[in-house]
Structures are given as structure tokens and as C-alpha cells.
Amino acid sequence: MIATTAKNLYQFSKACKTIAQLKQVLAQIIQTGISNHPLSLSSILSFSATSPQSDLHFASLIFANIEKPNSFAYNSMIRGYTNARDPHRALFVYLQMNREQPVSDKFTFPFVLKACTLIRAVELGKSVHGKILQMGFSSDPFIVSSLVRMYSEFDDIVAARLLFDEIPDRDPILWNSMIGGYFKCGITDRAHALFENMIDKNVGSYNVMMGGYAKLGCLDLAFKLFNEMPDRDLISWNTMIGAQARFGSVETAKRIFDDAPEQNATTWSAIVSGFAQGGKFSDGLEMFKGMLSEGLKPNQATLVSVLSCCAHLGALEQGIWIHGYIEKHWIEVDDILGASVIDMYSKCGFLQGAISTFHKIVKKNVCSWTSMIYGFSIHGHSLQALSLFSEMVSFGIRPNGITFVAVLCACSHSGMVDRGREIFDQMLRVYKIRPAIEHYTSMVDLLSRANLLDEAQELIKAMPMDPDEFVWGALFGGFRIHGDRSWLENENIREELARSEPKDSGAYVLMSNIYASVDHWDDSTRLRKMMEAMGVKKNPGCSCIERLDYVKTKCRSILLAVERESAMYRQELGTCGTNGGTWTPLFNLKHYEDLIGSQLHQRSQLANGFSRRDLLGPNLS
């Protein structure tokens, strides 16, 4: 009788479409007193943990009340946490499963390996691989595909290829995993060769190739494959739309979007995210409005992208509206979405909004902590930023590379040289994070601002990578601030700059202006001509004006006007009484804005003159 009742309730639970319906079945299970029957809670746990309407908190409560969970229950929780991008909890459940002795099966390992991949747990991933070999699952195609993806993410493409070659009967999933691994490691020729050798290509194979080319900005190759596809699915259209939005033209992206046979929330998210990642922030906002007007509900990824658009445009009012939309519709604010809201408020100048959001986030992780640290940093509250960093570490949250960029930025803005050196040293020694060029840029900026220019130059020489325009910009900024002219006779610096051939105009313009500030007009002109010969163009200035429900971006390129008026302006310099100190007058943009009648209003938070290095905070789009 109990078994029959349990079986009937199991069938009812499988037919449920919402968590509310599921809870009604759970109430029946409790009333009939069969909650300990193996079938009674299995489907309820699976639905609440792994369905599109999942509620992991509810699932965890059910799981905790199962006296002896079986492999199916453990697998459901591991899969649920992994799909929710909470790999730490997924791995905790897996380790608990090993302690409690339920037997792992072939359904356990794909999601455990994915969890290892998400947090780059290399040693644990290898340990799990050993367990797979021990249990005889080394030929299972789904598990091998997961192993190939894991080793590819660990940048061990040799191990991934060895696993691929050991399987004689490869299914399309394994082929696609290996092709994706080559793209992940930047080996496009091997990916192309493998794709050409693949006999049973399917839609997924073309999608992997298109996605790989799209991420590298190879639009022509991606579009060629798109046109050659015998069949296209929604992923094909979304991949192409997102790629065109990010790297191509707005018009082409919108045309492909209009041609798509189906436009669901994922399609809209693809074009919004593409515009956000490609720097077309106003277009991203416009498409988001179109999405809402179609009655579609944005997911968390779309909201992260559109908040990034607001942050870069300084569109505070629209950012506040989106935050209100999130709260009104009870959208879960996880670590990444919460970090995006914090980042938007910080970059729009509303620090109190960022602080309030930070304190309301229930499950804070590295993204939200990093965004708040960066928010304090760019607003000049360096002590609060460093205090928050210490608090974050005390809670056992491991900082990542972006966290250290934010902390070093705080040290730079407040002149805390010793603290900056200490944190830079901790990166590799304590946290095993190898400093990237962004961290070196921050350290050069810190030392240059503190007038430790010799030490900054020594650090540049010791860098394991070539300095880029941001590194040189940080160093030249120190020369300008402190009026140091010693570098004028230093041929090594000029040769290094010419050798690095930066394509961004910032370092050249700053160096040219420093020459001009000490009356080295010939050198200044020579540098400008070098820019012209190398095809380096001065980026036009931008002003963002937010009016009610839209943001208007105006760009102005006044370099030609400056060049035409340079002779007149040099005469003006003679009457300015400059002593050749730290003032840099060559391209006084305000002077020429007045000349051409440009009276564009700028938001105060966008007029603070943040360098591009300052904007290398959490990239959450």
C-alpha cells in the first residue's frame, strides 16, 4: 500500500510545472507519512534542484531531511549547484557523497568535472580523473567530453588531445569538445583541421566553430560558416547576432536579428550583450527597451549586460530604473548581478547606492566584494577600500586578479607605496596569482605618482611581458606630475616606446604634451608625425547627456582644428607666463571647444579624467 501511494505521488511530482505545485505534492507526502520511502522525495528533489524553475534553497532543505540520500539525490544536488554556477557547493556535496559511501555513477562525474573547471581546481580535477579511471568510466563519451573540456580550460591541450585520441568511436559531442578546446587555447588551425576531418558534422559542430571564430573577432570566417550551414538552430542565429553586435556594425547585427526566424529572450540577450561587450552602449540600451516592449522578461545575463551599458554611459537614472525592475520582479540578485549593480552605481557617481546594494546581497562572493572595493577606490576612499579587502580575506573569500587591480588602484590614488608593494608581493607568494600587465600598470602608476620614477623604470624592465601604452602612460604621467625632465635625454625610453608601437594614442599624446610643456616643440611635432606614420589616431572626446529616458552620446574630434590653430596658439603661449613646469597646454580642449562653439554638458563623474587603466575594474558584461 505504501509503495503504491509513493509511486502515485512520484508520478504526480513528475507532472508538476512549478515549485508551488511541487510543494502541494510534498504536503501530501508528509500527510501520508511516507517521506522516508525511496521514491517519495526523489522527483521533488530533482525538480527543485535541476529544473528551469529550480529553487536550490528548497532543494537543500529536502536533501538535508533525507535520512540516507542515494546516488540520485546526490547527483541532483551536484547538478543543481553546478548549473547555478555555485561550484564550491557542488564539490562540497561530492566530497560529502564520497564520505557517506553512496556509489558514484556515470551521471555524477560530468557535473563534478564542470564544477572543477569553473574554479580551475586543477589538482582536484586530476584527482576526480583518477577516480573515473578507478571505476572504469574512462570510455564513457559524456565523461571523456567533460574531461576534454576541463583540461582545455586548464590550458593543458596535450592531455585533452590524448584523451580524444584514446576513444576509437567518437561521437559528435566529443569532436565538438575537442574543437572547442583548441579554440580555447587559441590554436585555430588545429580546430579548423579537426572540423574538416569530422565526418558526421551536426549543427552543434558548426556552432562551436562559429562561436570560436566569433570570440576571436573573425567575423568573415564565422559568417562564411553561417552561410554554409545546411541547417541552423536558434544557437546559430544567436551566435551570429552576438558576434556582429560585438565586433561588426550595428546595422548588420540588427539585420540578422530581424531575419532570425525566432526571437526569444536568449536572442535579445545575445544582441544586448554583444553591443555591451563591443562598446556600443547606447545601442545596447535601445535593444533592451525593445526587449521589454515585446513583453519578454530579461534573464540575469541580460541585466548584467545592460547595467554595464549604464555604467559606461553614466546613465544613473536608467540604472536606478533597472535596479527597481530587478526588485519589483523578484529577480534573484546573485553575486554577479549584485556586483553589476554596485559597479553601475559606483561608475555613475552614486557611491551610497553601491554601498547599500552591497550590504543587501545575501550571498557575497569575490565579484561583489571586488566591485565594492573598486567603487571605494575610484571615489578616493582608499582606506575604506583596503579595509574592505582585509575584511574580505578574513571571511575566507579568495581574491582574484581583478581584486588586486582594484586594491592597487586604491594604493595608487592614496600614495600608499609600502602597502602597494606588500599587496603586489602577496599576489604570487600567498595567492599564487601571477601578476598580469594590469597589475604592473597599477604598480608603475603608484611608483610614478610617488616620484619613485627610477624604481618605476626598473619595474618596467623587469616585466615578463612587453609594456603597452597604459604602462608608458602611467610612467609619463609621473614625469608630467613631478616636472621631471631627465627622461628627455634618455634615448632608451624613446626607443622602447617606438619599439612597442602602441596603437592607442594616449601614450603618444601625453609624451607629446610633456615635450610641449618644456618648449621642446620640435620633439613634440616629431612625435605627432610618428603617430601619423604609424596610423595611430587620436580618439575623439565624448560627452554623454542623460535626458529623462535616453542617453545621447556626442563625439567631437578637434585635432584638426588644433593643428590649424597651432601657430596662433604658440603665440598665445608666449604671453601666458608659463615657467615650463607641470602645466601641459599644447592641446587645451576647452580653449578649442570655445573656439568652435561647443558647450556640451558632461556628467561630473565622467569629467574626472579617469585613465583607461582606471577603468580596468571588474568586467562584468
Foldseek 3Di string as FASTA:
>chain_A
DLVVVQVVLLVQLQPDDALVSLVVSVVVCVVVVNLQPLSNCLSVLLCQQPPPRHDLVVSVVSLVPHPQDAQSSLLSNLNSCLVVVNLVVSVVSVVVCVVSDHDHDPSRQLSNLSSCLSVVVPVVNVVVVVVCVVVVNLQPQSNLLSVLLSCLSNVNLVVSVVSLVVHPDHDVSSLLSNLLSCLSNPNNVVSVVSLVPDDDDDQSSLLSNLLSCLVVLVLVVSVVSLVVDPDHDPSSLLSNLLSCLQRNDPVVSVVSLVVDPDCALSSLLSNLQSVLNNVVLQVSLVSVVVCVVVVHDHALSSLLSNLSSLLVLLVVVVLVVSVVVCVVVVHQCAQLSLLSSLSSCLSNPNNVSNVVSLVPHPDHAQSSLLSNLLSCLVVLNLVVSVVSVVVCVVVVHQHAQLSLLSNLSSCQSVLVLVVLVVSQVCCCVPVNHDHDLLSLLSNLLSCLLNVVLVVSVVSQVVDPDQHELSSLLSSLVSCLVFVPPVCVPVVVVVVSCLVRLHLECRNLQSVLLLCVLQPVNVVSVVSVVVCVVSVRDHFWDWAWDDDDSHIDIDTDDCPVVLVVCQVVVVVVVVVPPRPSGNDRPSCPPVVVCVVVVNDGDHNPSVPPPDDVSSVPHDPSD
